[in-house]
Structures are given as C-alpha cells and as structure tokens.
N, C-alpha and C. Protein backbone atom coordinates (compact mmCIF):
# COMPACT_ATOMS: atom_id res chain seq x y z
N MET A 1 -33.36 -15.02 18.36
CA MET A 1 -33.84 -15.83 19.82
C MET A 1 -33.71 -17.78 19.51
N GLU A 2 -33.16 -17.85 20.67
CA GLU A 2 -32.25 -19.45 20.61
C GLU A 2 -34.05 -20.04 20.41
N MET A 3 -33.81 -21.97 20.10
CA MET A 3 -34.48 -22.56 20.30
C MET A 3 -35.25 -23.26 21.33
N THR A 4 -34.44 -22.91 22.49
CA THR A 4 -34.46 -23.59 23.77
C THR A 4 -35.61 -22.60 24.41
N MET A 5 -35.39 -21.11 24.40
CA MET A 5 -36.35 -20.19 24.77
C MET A 5 -37.90 -20.15 24.39
N ILE A 6 -37.45 -20.89 22.92
CA ILE A 6 -39.13 -20.67 22.53
C ILE A 6 -39.91 -21.87 22.58
N LEU A 7 -39.04 -22.87 23.08
CA LEU A 7 -39.87 -24.28 23.71
C LEU A 7 -40.43 -23.71 24.67
N GLU A 8 -39.37 -23.30 25.49
CA GLU A 8 -40.16 -23.01 26.99
C GLU A 8 -41.23 -21.78 27.08
N GLN A 9 -40.96 -20.67 26.43
CA GLN A 9 -41.87 -19.58 25.99
C GLN A 9 -43.32 -20.58 25.82
N PHE A 10 -43.08 -21.29 24.68
CA PHE A 10 -44.61 -21.83 24.02
C PHE A 10 -45.11 -23.35 24.45
N LYS A 11 -44.32 -23.61 25.01
CA LYS A 11 -44.68 -25.12 25.09
C LYS A 11 -46.29 -25.31 25.71
N TYR A 12 -46.38 -24.88 26.75
CA TYR A 12 -47.57 -25.20 27.31
C TYR A 12 -48.78 -24.54 26.12
N SER A 13 -48.75 -23.19 26.33
CA SER A 13 -49.88 -22.70 25.38
C SER A 13 -49.77 -23.05 24.00
N LEU A 14 -48.38 -23.80 23.68
CA LEU A 14 -49.43 -24.20 22.26
C LEU A 14 -49.76 -25.41 22.38
N GLU A 15 -49.32 -26.17 23.18
CA GLU A 15 -49.72 -27.60 23.59
C GLU A 15 -51.75 -27.40 23.56
N ASN A 16 -51.72 -26.62 24.73
CA ASN A 16 -53.32 -26.28 25.43
C ASN A 16 -54.05 -25.53 23.65
N PHE A 17 -53.40 -24.96 22.93
CA PHE A 17 -53.87 -24.75 21.63
C PHE A 17 -54.29 -25.90 20.77
N ILE A 18 -53.56 -26.55 20.65
CA ILE A 18 -53.66 -28.02 19.95
C ILE A 18 -54.96 -28.45 20.45
N LYS A 19 -54.77 -29.20 21.63
CA LYS A 19 -55.94 -29.32 22.65
C LYS A 19 -57.34 -28.81 22.32
N GLY A 20 -57.13 -27.87 22.04
CA GLY A 20 -58.58 -27.00 21.79
C GLY A 20 -59.08 -27.49 20.69
N LYS A 21 -58.37 -27.90 19.47
CA LYS A 21 -58.55 -28.30 18.40
C LYS A 21 -58.78 -29.46 17.80
N VAL A 22 -58.09 -30.46 18.72
CA VAL A 22 -57.81 -31.86 18.07
C VAL A 22 -58.18 -32.56 19.04
N SER A 23 -58.62 -33.69 19.05
CA SER A 23 -59.10 -34.43 20.35
C SER A 23 -58.49 -35.51 20.65
N ASN A 24 -57.60 -35.90 19.80
CA ASN A 24 -57.11 -36.67 20.30
C ASN A 24 -55.56 -36.76 20.68
N SER A 25 -55.15 -37.08 22.31
CA SER A 25 -54.30 -36.69 22.83
C SER A 25 -52.81 -37.30 21.90
N GLU A 26 -52.93 -38.20 21.35
CA GLU A 26 -51.69 -38.57 20.85
C GLU A 26 -51.64 -37.85 19.36
N ASP A 27 -52.36 -37.33 18.56
CA ASP A 27 -52.14 -36.53 17.71
C ASP A 27 -51.91 -35.21 18.03
N VAL A 28 -52.18 -34.86 19.19
CA VAL A 28 -51.74 -33.49 19.77
C VAL A 28 -50.45 -33.47 20.39
N ALA A 29 -50.00 -34.44 20.54
CA ALA A 29 -48.47 -34.96 21.12
C ALA A 29 -47.69 -34.52 19.59
N ASP A 30 -47.94 -35.45 18.68
CA ASP A 30 -47.25 -35.52 17.15
C ASP A 30 -47.32 -34.23 16.72
N LEU A 31 -48.63 -33.66 16.91
CA LEU A 31 -48.70 -32.16 16.28
C LEU A 31 -48.02 -30.73 17.17
N LEU A 32 -47.79 -31.04 17.90
CA LEU A 32 -46.28 -29.98 18.80
C LEU A 32 -45.41 -30.28 18.32
N GLN A 33 -44.54 -32.05 18.16
CA GLN A 33 -43.60 -31.83 17.84
C GLN A 33 -43.73 -31.58 16.33
N ASP A 34 -44.74 -31.77 15.28
CA ASP A 34 -44.31 -31.11 14.49
C ASP A 34 -43.99 -29.52 14.16
N VAL A 35 -45.06 -29.15 15.15
CA VAL A 35 -45.11 -27.72 15.06
C VAL A 35 -43.31 -26.86 15.63
N PHE A 36 -42.60 -27.31 16.82
CA PHE A 36 -41.76 -26.95 16.84
C PHE A 36 -40.56 -27.39 16.13
N LEU A 37 -40.66 -28.98 15.28
CA LEU A 37 -40.01 -29.46 14.13
C LEU A 37 -39.76 -27.77 13.13
N LYS A 38 -40.96 -27.17 12.70
CA LYS A 38 -41.56 -26.84 11.43
C LYS A 38 -40.82 -25.09 11.99
N ILE A 39 -41.08 -24.79 13.28
CA ILE A 39 -40.41 -23.45 14.37
C ILE A 39 -39.10 -23.50 14.20
N HIS A 40 -38.28 -24.92 13.96
CA HIS A 40 -36.78 -25.19 14.21
C HIS A 40 -36.27 -24.84 12.44
N SER A 41 -36.92 -25.17 11.99
CA SER A 41 -36.65 -25.30 10.62
C SER A 41 -36.31 -23.86 9.64
N LYS A 42 -37.90 -23.11 9.99
CA LYS A 42 -38.20 -21.73 9.83
C LYS A 42 -37.72 -20.85 10.57
N LEU A 43 -37.12 -20.57 11.63
CA LEU A 43 -36.28 -19.66 12.60
C LEU A 43 -35.85 -18.68 11.84
N GLY A 44 -34.99 -18.82 10.64
CA GLY A 44 -34.01 -17.75 9.99
C GLY A 44 -34.91 -16.95 9.38
N GLU A 45 -36.45 -17.42 8.95
CA GLU A 45 -37.19 -16.93 8.13
C GLU A 45 -37.74 -15.50 9.12
N LEU A 46 -37.85 -15.74 10.32
CA LEU A 46 -38.65 -14.12 11.29
C LEU A 46 -37.54 -13.36 11.33
N LYS A 47 -38.28 -12.47 10.84
CA LYS A 47 -37.98 -10.93 10.31
C LYS A 47 -37.51 -10.42 11.69
N ASP A 48 -39.00 -10.45 12.40
CA ASP A 48 -39.27 -9.51 13.61
C ASP A 48 -39.46 -10.21 14.84
N GLU A 49 -38.22 -10.11 15.63
CA GLU A 49 -38.77 -10.83 16.85
C GLU A 49 -40.05 -10.30 17.76
N GLU A 50 -40.47 -9.09 17.50
CA GLU A 50 -41.35 -8.72 18.43
C GLU A 50 -43.11 -9.20 17.50
N LYS A 51 -42.77 -9.96 16.37
CA LYS A 51 -44.00 -10.84 15.69
C LYS A 51 -43.74 -12.39 15.94
N LEU A 52 -42.67 -12.40 16.95
CA LEU A 52 -42.82 -14.30 17.61
C LEU A 52 -43.92 -15.17 17.59
N GLN A 53 -45.30 -14.40 18.59
CA GLN A 53 -46.18 -15.07 19.16
C GLN A 53 -46.79 -15.12 17.91
N PRO A 54 -47.54 -14.36 16.77
CA PRO A 54 -47.91 -14.28 16.44
C PRO A 54 -47.85 -15.40 15.01
N TRP A 55 -46.09 -15.40 14.49
CA TRP A 55 -45.39 -16.46 13.73
C TRP A 55 -45.94 -17.47 14.04
N VAL A 56 -45.56 -18.13 15.73
CA VAL A 56 -45.58 -19.76 16.44
C VAL A 56 -47.13 -19.92 15.95
N TYR A 57 -48.21 -19.17 16.07
CA TYR A 57 -49.53 -19.40 16.25
C TYR A 57 -49.60 -19.83 14.69
N GLN A 58 -49.23 -18.58 13.84
CA GLN A 58 -49.42 -19.41 12.20
C GLN A 58 -49.56 -21.07 11.83
N ILE A 59 -47.77 -21.28 12.35
CA ILE A 59 -47.11 -22.22 11.98
C ILE A 59 -47.91 -23.16 12.53
N ALA A 60 -48.48 -23.28 13.81
CA ALA A 60 -49.18 -24.22 14.43
C ALA A 60 -50.42 -24.49 13.80
N ARG A 61 -51.44 -23.26 12.92
CA ARG A 61 -52.92 -23.61 12.94
C ARG A 61 -52.25 -23.93 11.61
N ASN A 62 -51.31 -23.75 10.58
CA ASN A 62 -50.97 -24.39 9.25
C ASN A 62 -50.92 -25.83 9.58
N THR A 63 -50.51 -26.10 10.39
CA THR A 63 -50.04 -27.79 11.06
C THR A 63 -51.55 -28.66 11.72
N ILE A 64 -51.95 -28.15 11.72
CA ILE A 64 -53.08 -28.51 12.28
C ILE A 64 -54.32 -28.52 11.15
N THR A 65 -54.31 -27.63 10.35
CA THR A 65 -54.78 -27.47 9.13
C THR A 65 -54.82 -28.64 8.23
N ASP A 66 -53.40 -29.08 8.21
CA ASP A 66 -52.81 -29.86 7.16
C ASP A 66 -53.32 -31.30 7.83
N TYR A 67 -53.05 -31.29 8.97
CA TYR A 67 -53.26 -32.61 9.96
C TYR A 67 -54.84 -32.60 9.60
N TYR A 68 -55.88 -31.91 9.17
CA TYR A 68 -57.29 -32.24 9.17
C TYR A 68 -57.32 -32.52 7.27
N ARG A 69 -56.31 -31.82 6.96
CA ARG A 69 -56.56 -32.33 4.76
C ARG A 69 -56.25 -33.40 5.30
N LYS A 70 -55.48 -33.72 5.44
CA LYS A 70 -54.95 -35.59 5.68
C LYS A 70 -55.88 -36.26 5.86
N LYS A 71 -56.51 -35.86 6.98
CA LYS A 71 -57.54 -36.59 7.57
C LYS A 71 -58.87 -36.72 6.52
N SER A 72 -59.30 -35.86 6.07
CA SER A 72 -60.06 -35.61 5.19
C SER A 72 -59.71 -36.85 4.14
N LYS A 73 -58.33 -37.26 3.25
CA LYS A 73 -58.17 -38.11 2.72
C LYS A 73 -58.08 -38.92 3.18
N ASP A 74 -57.96 -39.55 4.62
CA ASP A 74 -57.89 -40.57 5.03
C ASP A 74 -59.32 -40.95 4.68
N ILE A 75 -60.41 -40.34 4.79
CA ILE A 75 -61.99 -40.79 4.96
C ILE A 75 -61.96 -41.42 3.59
N THR A 76 -61.60 -40.85 2.64
CA THR A 76 -61.99 -42.01 1.23
C THR A 76 -61.38 -43.18 1.25
N LYS A 77 -60.35 -43.09 2.00
CA LYS A 77 -59.77 -44.25 1.97
C LYS A 77 -60.28 -45.24 2.99
N ASN A 78 -60.79 -45.02 4.47
CA ASN A 78 -61.17 -45.92 4.95
C ASN A 78 -62.22 -45.55 5.80
N PRO A 79 -63.73 -45.58 5.90
CA PRO A 79 -65.27 -45.51 6.03
C PRO A 79 -65.19 -45.14 7.52
N LYS A 80 -64.58 -45.89 8.42
CA LYS A 80 -64.15 -45.31 10.02
C LYS A 80 -64.28 -43.96 10.21
N PHE A 81 -63.35 -43.40 9.23
CA PHE A 81 -62.70 -42.44 9.80
C PHE A 81 -64.14 -41.10 9.53
N ILE A 82 -65.07 -41.38 8.71
CA ILE A 82 -66.41 -40.81 8.46
C ILE A 82 -66.80 -40.21 9.93
N ILE A 83 -67.07 -40.72 10.54
CA ILE A 83 -67.27 -40.86 12.22
C ILE A 83 -66.60 -40.17 13.04
N GLU A 84 -65.06 -40.50 13.24
CA GLU A 84 -63.94 -39.72 13.69
C GLU A 84 -64.37 -38.38 13.27
N SER A 85 -64.38 -38.11 11.84
CA SER A 85 -64.30 -36.47 11.09
C SER A 85 -65.71 -35.64 11.69
N SER A 86 -67.00 -36.50 11.96
CA SER A 86 -67.72 -35.92 12.46
C SER A 86 -67.47 -35.17 13.78
N LEU A 87 -66.97 -36.25 14.64
CA LEU A 87 -66.49 -35.71 15.98
C LEU A 87 -65.96 -34.91 15.82
N ILE A 88 -64.66 -34.63 15.00
CA ILE A 88 -63.82 -33.31 14.78
C ILE A 88 -64.60 -32.39 14.63
N GLU A 89 -65.17 -32.30 13.54
CA GLU A 89 -66.39 -31.13 13.19
C GLU A 89 -67.20 -30.62 14.87
N GLN A 90 -67.55 -31.48 15.43
CA GLN A 90 -68.44 -31.24 16.66
C GLN A 90 -67.33 -30.34 17.60
N ASP A 91 -66.68 -31.03 18.05
CA ASP A 91 -64.88 -30.73 19.18
C ASP A 91 -64.88 -29.09 18.30
N GLN A 92 -64.90 -28.87 17.13
CA GLN A 92 -64.26 -27.56 16.39
C GLN A 92 -65.55 -26.71 16.41
N GLN A 93 -66.82 -27.43 16.59
CA GLN A 93 -67.79 -26.08 16.60
C GLN A 93 -67.56 -25.94 18.32
N ASN A 94 -67.38 -26.82 18.94
CA ASN A 94 -67.00 -26.40 20.66
C ASN A 94 -66.10 -25.96 21.05
N VAL A 95 -65.21 -25.66 20.21
CA VAL A 95 -64.10 -25.08 20.78
C VAL A 95 -64.65 -23.46 20.38
N ASN A 96 -65.04 -23.33 18.95
CA ASN A 96 -65.72 -22.12 18.59
C ASN A 96 -66.69 -20.91 19.42
N GLU A 97 -67.19 -22.02 19.54
CA GLU A 97 -68.62 -21.56 20.59
C GLU A 97 -67.89 -20.76 21.96
N ASN A 98 -66.55 -21.53 22.89
CA ASN A 98 -65.86 -21.53 23.78
C ASN A 98 -65.41 -19.84 23.61
N MET A 99 -64.63 -20.27 22.21
CA MET A 99 -63.60 -18.33 22.45
C MET A 99 -64.78 -17.72 22.17
N ASN A 100 -66.00 -17.57 21.59
CA ASN A 100 -66.16 -16.51 21.64
C ASN A 100 -67.08 -16.68 22.78
N GLU A 101 -67.19 -17.25 23.50
CA GLU A 101 -67.43 -16.84 25.03
C GLU A 101 -66.42 -16.34 25.89
N ILE A 102 -65.51 -16.42 25.34
CA ILE A 102 -64.65 -15.99 26.46
C ILE A 102 -64.37 -14.04 25.77
N VAL A 103 -64.49 -14.45 24.65
CA VAL A 103 -64.50 -12.62 23.57
C VAL A 103 -65.64 -12.22 24.52
N SER A 104 -66.96 -12.71 24.26
CA SER A 104 -68.06 -11.96 24.86
C SER A 104 -67.83 -11.44 26.52
N SER A 105 -66.88 -12.65 27.31
CA SER A 105 -66.48 -11.77 28.90
C SER A 105 -65.80 -10.83 28.76
N TRP A 106 -65.14 -10.57 27.59
CA TRP A 106 -64.23 -9.65 27.56
C TRP A 106 -64.78 -8.51 27.43
N LEU A 107 -65.70 -8.51 26.81
CA LEU A 107 -66.56 -7.70 25.92
C LEU A 107 -67.00 -6.75 27.49
N ARG A 108 -67.88 -7.68 27.83
CA ARG A 108 -68.57 -7.24 29.56
C ARG A 108 -67.99 -6.43 29.93
N GLU A 109 -66.40 -6.81 30.66
CA GLU A 109 -65.47 -5.58 31.14
C GLU A 109 -64.79 -4.55 30.12
N LEU A 110 -64.79 -4.74 29.11
CA LEU A 110 -64.81 -3.18 28.20
C LEU A 110 -65.75 -2.17 28.68
N MET A 111 -66.66 -3.19 28.64
CA MET A 111 -67.72 -1.60 28.77
C MET A 111 -67.74 -0.70 29.71
N ASP A 112 -67.29 -1.38 31.15
CA ASP A 112 -66.43 -0.56 32.12
C ASP A 112 -65.91 0.98 31.25
N ILE A 113 -65.41 1.04 30.70
CA ILE A 113 -64.10 2.09 30.19
C ILE A 113 -64.95 3.01 29.21
N LEU A 114 -66.03 2.28 28.86
CA LEU A 114 -67.06 3.10 27.83
C LEU A 114 -67.51 4.79 28.87
N PRO A 115 -67.92 5.66 28.24
CA PRO A 115 -68.59 6.92 28.81
C PRO A 115 -70.32 6.32 28.79
N ASP A 116 -70.26 7.23 30.14
CA ASP A 116 -71.46 6.73 30.83
C ASP A 116 -72.94 6.33 29.82
N LYS A 117 -73.20 7.58 28.92
CA LYS A 117 -73.86 7.55 28.23
C LYS A 117 -74.14 6.37 26.89
N TYR A 118 -72.91 6.35 26.24
CA TYR A 118 -72.50 5.19 25.46
C TYR A 118 -72.77 3.54 26.16
N ARG A 119 -72.23 3.65 27.57
CA ARG A 119 -72.22 2.23 27.95
C ARG A 119 -73.56 1.90 28.51
N GLU A 120 -74.42 2.72 28.79
CA GLU A 120 -76.10 2.72 28.97
C GLU A 120 -76.57 2.38 27.94
N ALA A 121 -76.02 2.77 26.85
CA ALA A 121 -77.24 2.56 25.34
C ALA A 121 -76.92 1.51 24.96
N LEU A 122 -75.50 0.76 24.98
CA LEU A 122 -75.42 -0.36 24.66
C LEU A 122 -76.01 -1.20 25.52
N LEU A 123 -75.95 -1.43 27.18
CA LEU A 123 -76.11 -2.27 28.18
C LEU A 123 -78.10 -2.99 27.73
N LEU A 124 -78.44 -1.53 27.25
CA LEU A 124 -80.30 -1.71 27.68
C LEU A 124 -80.37 -1.97 25.93
N SER A 125 -79.90 -1.82 25.22
CA SER A 125 -80.21 -2.22 23.58
C SER A 125 -79.47 -3.67 23.44
N GLU A 126 -78.26 -4.54 24.11
CA GLU A 126 -77.81 -5.39 24.09
C GLU A 126 -78.36 -6.17 24.86
N LEU A 127 -77.72 -5.99 25.99
CA LEU A 127 -78.12 -7.10 27.27
C LEU A 127 -80.15 -6.59 27.38
N GLY A 128 -80.14 -5.72 27.27
CA GLY A 128 -81.61 -5.18 28.20
C GLY A 128 -82.96 -5.61 26.90
N GLN A 129 -82.15 -5.48 25.78
CA GLN A 129 -82.68 -6.34 24.62
C GLN A 129 -84.02 -5.03 24.37
N LEU A 130 -83.66 -3.83 24.45
CA LEU A 130 -84.63 -2.83 24.19
C LEU A 130 -84.70 -2.60 22.70
N THR A 131 -85.84 -2.01 22.04
CA THR A 131 -85.40 -1.26 20.62
C THR A 131 -85.01 -0.64 20.67
N GLN A 132 -84.70 0.13 19.36
CA GLN A 132 -84.03 1.69 19.13
C GLN A 132 -85.26 2.90 19.71
N LYS A 133 -86.71 2.18 19.53
CA LYS A 133 -87.48 3.17 20.23
C LYS A 133 -87.64 3.13 21.12
N ASP A 134 -87.92 2.00 22.28
CA ASP A 134 -87.86 2.05 23.34
C ASP A 134 -86.58 2.78 23.83
N LEU A 135 -85.68 2.51 23.80
CA LEU A 135 -84.27 3.25 24.26
C LEU A 135 -84.31 4.67 23.81
N ALA A 136 -84.84 4.94 22.95
CA ALA A 136 -85.04 6.36 22.57
C ALA A 136 -85.89 7.27 23.68
N GLU A 137 -86.98 6.23 23.83
CA GLU A 137 -87.93 6.90 24.95
C GLU A 137 -87.41 6.78 26.05
N ARG A 138 -86.76 5.95 26.83
CA ARG A 138 -85.93 5.46 27.92
C ARG A 138 -84.83 6.81 28.32
N LEU A 139 -84.45 6.54 27.38
CA LEU A 139 -82.93 8.22 26.95
C LEU A 139 -83.82 9.06 27.21
N GLN A 140 -84.53 9.20 26.90
CA GLN A 140 -85.42 10.85 26.77
C GLN A 140 -84.77 11.66 25.13
N ILE A 141 -84.25 10.61 24.23
CA ILE A 141 -83.72 11.33 22.90
C ILE A 141 -84.25 10.74 21.86
N SER A 142 -83.97 11.64 20.58
CA SER A 142 -84.88 10.59 19.16
C SER A 142 -84.34 9.47 19.12
N VAL A 143 -85.16 8.69 17.88
CA VAL A 143 -84.89 7.35 17.61
C VAL A 143 -83.36 7.18 16.94
N PRO A 144 -83.23 8.59 16.10
CA PRO A 144 -82.00 8.41 15.19
C PRO A 144 -80.87 8.46 16.57
N GLY A 145 -80.99 9.52 16.91
CA GLY A 145 -79.86 9.75 18.56
C GLY A 145 -79.51 8.62 18.82
N ALA A 146 -80.65 7.98 19.58
CA ALA A 146 -80.61 6.50 20.29
C ALA A 146 -79.60 5.72 19.14
N LYS A 147 -80.17 5.09 17.72
CA LYS A 147 -79.49 4.63 16.82
C LYS A 147 -77.80 4.87 16.85
N SER A 148 -77.56 6.35 16.60
CA SER A 148 -76.48 6.65 16.60
C SER A 148 -75.85 6.18 17.95
N ARG A 149 -75.80 6.47 19.13
CA ARG A 149 -75.25 6.29 20.38
C ARG A 149 -75.06 4.56 20.45
N VAL A 150 -76.05 3.67 20.38
CA VAL A 150 -75.51 2.39 20.29
C VAL A 150 -74.53 2.24 19.35
N GLN A 151 -74.44 2.80 17.91
CA GLN A 151 -73.50 2.13 16.78
C GLN A 151 -72.22 2.83 16.97
N ARG A 152 -72.14 4.07 18.00
CA ARG A 152 -70.86 4.88 18.78
C ARG A 152 -70.36 3.78 19.53
N ALA A 153 -71.35 3.05 20.09
CA ALA A 153 -71.01 2.67 21.98
C ALA A 153 -70.17 1.16 21.52
N ARG A 154 -71.16 0.44 19.86
CA ARG A 154 -70.37 -0.74 19.75
C ARG A 154 -68.93 -0.08 18.59
N LYS A 155 -68.78 0.76 18.11
CA LYS A 155 -67.56 1.12 17.35
C LYS A 155 -66.26 1.01 18.54
N LEU A 156 -66.62 2.40 19.60
CA LEU A 156 -65.38 2.50 21.19
C LEU A 156 -65.37 1.09 21.62
N LEU A 157 -66.05 0.34 21.47
CA LEU A 157 -66.02 -1.18 22.35
C LEU A 157 -64.97 -1.82 21.62
N LYS A 158 -65.63 -2.09 20.37
CA LYS A 158 -65.01 -3.08 18.77
C LYS A 158 -63.27 -2.25 19.01
N GLU A 159 -63.27 -0.71 19.26
CA GLU A 159 -61.79 -0.62 19.65
C GLU A 159 -60.90 -0.51 20.35
N ALA A 160 -61.39 -0.85 21.35
CA ALA A 160 -60.73 -1.10 22.80
C ALA A 160 -60.61 -2.45 22.68
N LEU A 161 -61.31 -3.54 22.39
CA LEU A 161 -60.97 -4.59 22.15
C LEU A 161 -59.91 -4.91 20.98
N LEU A 162 -59.88 -4.32 19.89
CA LEU A 162 -59.06 -4.80 18.95
C LEU A 162 -57.76 -4.08 19.57
N ASP A 163 -57.50 -2.82 20.49
CA ASP A 163 -56.51 -2.41 20.45
C ASP A 163 -55.84 -3.22 21.80
N CYS A 164 -57.09 -4.10 22.60
CA CYS A 164 -56.09 -5.27 23.86
C CYS A 164 -55.72 -6.36 23.15
N CYS A 165 -56.44 -6.73 22.18
CA CYS A 165 -56.20 -8.33 21.49
C CYS A 165 -56.15 -8.40 19.85
N HIS A 166 -55.36 -8.95 19.47
CA HIS A 166 -55.54 -9.36 17.91
C HIS A 166 -56.57 -10.51 17.91
N LEU A 167 -57.67 -10.61 17.30
CA LEU A 167 -58.10 -11.45 17.21
C LEU A 167 -58.51 -12.30 15.70
N GLU A 168 -58.51 -13.37 15.50
CA GLU A 168 -58.96 -14.18 13.90
C GLU A 168 -59.98 -14.68 13.75
N ILE A 169 -60.52 -14.47 13.04
CA ILE A 169 -62.29 -14.45 12.98
C ILE A 169 -62.16 -15.65 11.31
N ASP A 170 -62.83 -16.84 11.81
CA ASP A 170 -63.24 -17.37 10.80
C ASP A 170 -64.09 -16.81 9.78
N SER A 171 -64.78 -17.71 8.74
CA SER A 171 -65.38 -17.46 7.18
C SER A 171 -66.94 -16.98 8.26
N SER A 172 -67.16 -17.85 9.20
CA SER A 172 -68.83 -17.29 9.99
C SER A 172 -68.79 -16.86 11.23
N GLY A 173 -67.82 -15.97 11.14
CA GLY A 173 -67.39 -14.78 12.21
C GLY A 173 -67.04 -15.47 13.56
N ASN A 174 -66.84 -17.04 13.80
CA ASN A 174 -66.13 -17.12 14.95
C ASN A 174 -65.01 -16.88 15.00
N VAL A 175 -64.72 -16.57 16.46
CA VAL A 175 -63.69 -16.09 16.73
C VAL A 175 -62.40 -17.83 16.80
N ILE A 176 -61.59 -17.76 16.17
CA ILE A 176 -60.63 -19.34 16.28
C ILE A 176 -59.30 -18.74 16.93
N ASP A 177 -59.03 -17.70 17.35
CA ASP A 177 -57.97 -17.52 18.05
C ASP A 177 -57.67 -16.18 17.97
N TYR A 178 -56.43 -15.90 19.25
CA TYR A 178 -56.62 -14.28 19.53
C TYR A 178 -55.38 -14.55 20.55
N TRP A 179 -54.65 -13.35 20.21
CA TRP A 179 -53.29 -12.73 21.10
C TRP A 179 -53.45 -11.77 21.91
N VAL A 180 -52.75 -11.53 23.35
CA VAL A 180 -52.80 -10.04 24.14
C VAL A 180 -52.05 -9.21 23.32
N ARG A 181 -52.13 -8.27 23.00
CA ARG A 181 -51.36 -6.84 22.59
C ARG A 181 -50.96 -5.85 23.93
N GLN A 182 -52.03 -6.29 24.76
CA GLN A 182 -50.99 -5.48 26.25
C GLN A 182 -51.64 -6.21 27.32
N GLU A 183 -50.52 -5.82 28.11
CA GLU A 183 -50.93 -7.34 29.36
C GLU A 183 -52.01 -6.48 30.23
N SER A 184 -52.06 -5.44 30.10
CA SER A 184 -52.94 -4.68 31.39
C SER A 184 -54.58 -4.67 30.72
N CYS A 185 -54.71 -5.31 29.46
CA CYS A 185 -56.48 -5.35 29.11
C CYS A 185 -57.00 -6.68 29.69
N SER A 186 -58.41 -6.85 29.39
CA SER A 186 -59.09 -8.05 29.63
C SER A 186 -58.83 -9.16 29.07
N CYS A 187 -58.02 -8.91 28.04
CA CYS A 187 -58.09 -10.10 27.21
C CYS A 187 -56.78 -10.76 28.22
N ARG A 188 -57.23 -12.13 28.23
CA ARG A 188 -56.09 -12.96 28.92
C ARG A 188 -56.48 -14.53 28.48
N ASP A 189 -55.23 -15.28 28.93
CA ASP A 189 -54.94 -16.58 28.33
C ASP A 189 -56.42 -17.41 29.59
N THR A 190 -57.13 -18.30 28.70
CA THR A 190 -57.82 -19.07 29.78
C THR A 190 -57.57 -20.77 29.74
N GLY A 191 -56.16 -20.38 29.13
CA GLY A 191 -56.01 -22.25 28.61
C GLY A 191 -55.08 -22.63 29.54
C-alpha cells in the first residue's frame, strides 16, 4: 500500500483520535506528523494489509504514550507542568467517559437483535433496575432461571458487540479505542 493512500485514508480519523487524547492543538499537529513518519518508516513491517487500520492506530497509541511519558519527565524539570498534567489526566478521563457512552449507545441498539426473552430480561434487570427476584416474579420463572436468562442475554450482547467491533479496554475497564469489523453494524465512527 502506498503512503499517499494511507495518508488520505487516515489523516482525519487519526487527527480526531489524537485530539481526543491530547488537548493542545499544536501538540496534536506534531503528534500526527510523528505518527505518519513512523508509519512511513515501518510500512515494510506490515505483513497483512487487512490489518492496516489496527496497525496504524497502534502506532498512534504508542506515539501518544511516548508523548505523555516525555510530559511526565518534564514535570520533574519544570513545576508548571504539574498543572498541565492534571488537566491532561482530566481530559483523558473525559475521553474515557465519552468512549464508554458511545459503546453504551451501541449496546442499546444491539439489544434489538436479541431474542425477545433475553432482550426483555436484560432491559428489565439492567435498565429497569429490577432485582433478580423481582425479575423472576415478573417473568413468572424461577430466580435461578432469571439469573441464567440475564447472564445469557449479556453473553449474546457481548458476542454481538465483539463481532461488530474490536474494543480496546484499559486496566480500569474503560473503552480507550475501537475499530469497526463490519460496516453494517451499530458501531460507527462518531469522530
């Protein structure tokens, strides 16, 4: 694949991706340039063109990680970076919350593909906030049956989501990145 095609294909989405993780617009431009330089220098290492998108975003994530590592070293050299670092952490938390909200909206749409009995159990227990006992009474099934139905619904929903999209999750369980596996699914780039 040619570099010009990669640039055209990913320029705006990578810029939005970096903007979601870095607040300073000058740094965003510098990081975007660094990412494309790294892509250019490592293009020969890409074995499977089918995996171009995840490979490109992994380079971007690594570049952003390096950026924050350098920033954390600057804190020890210059105390004014402590304030900026705090703002960066707050920005990252806001990005994580936003990504979690986006994925939650997909889950609500994906619930529509679940069989009725599983969708109903999940809606009543998760969104309706019914206890397992109340759910069992409402559905006129046993408590273990209600618990099993909710667990099965969660499993089906998770499988549908992961068939549709690849999610990257941080150690706290926050969605930090995703890419679409199937164009016809609920996962879509909102950036």
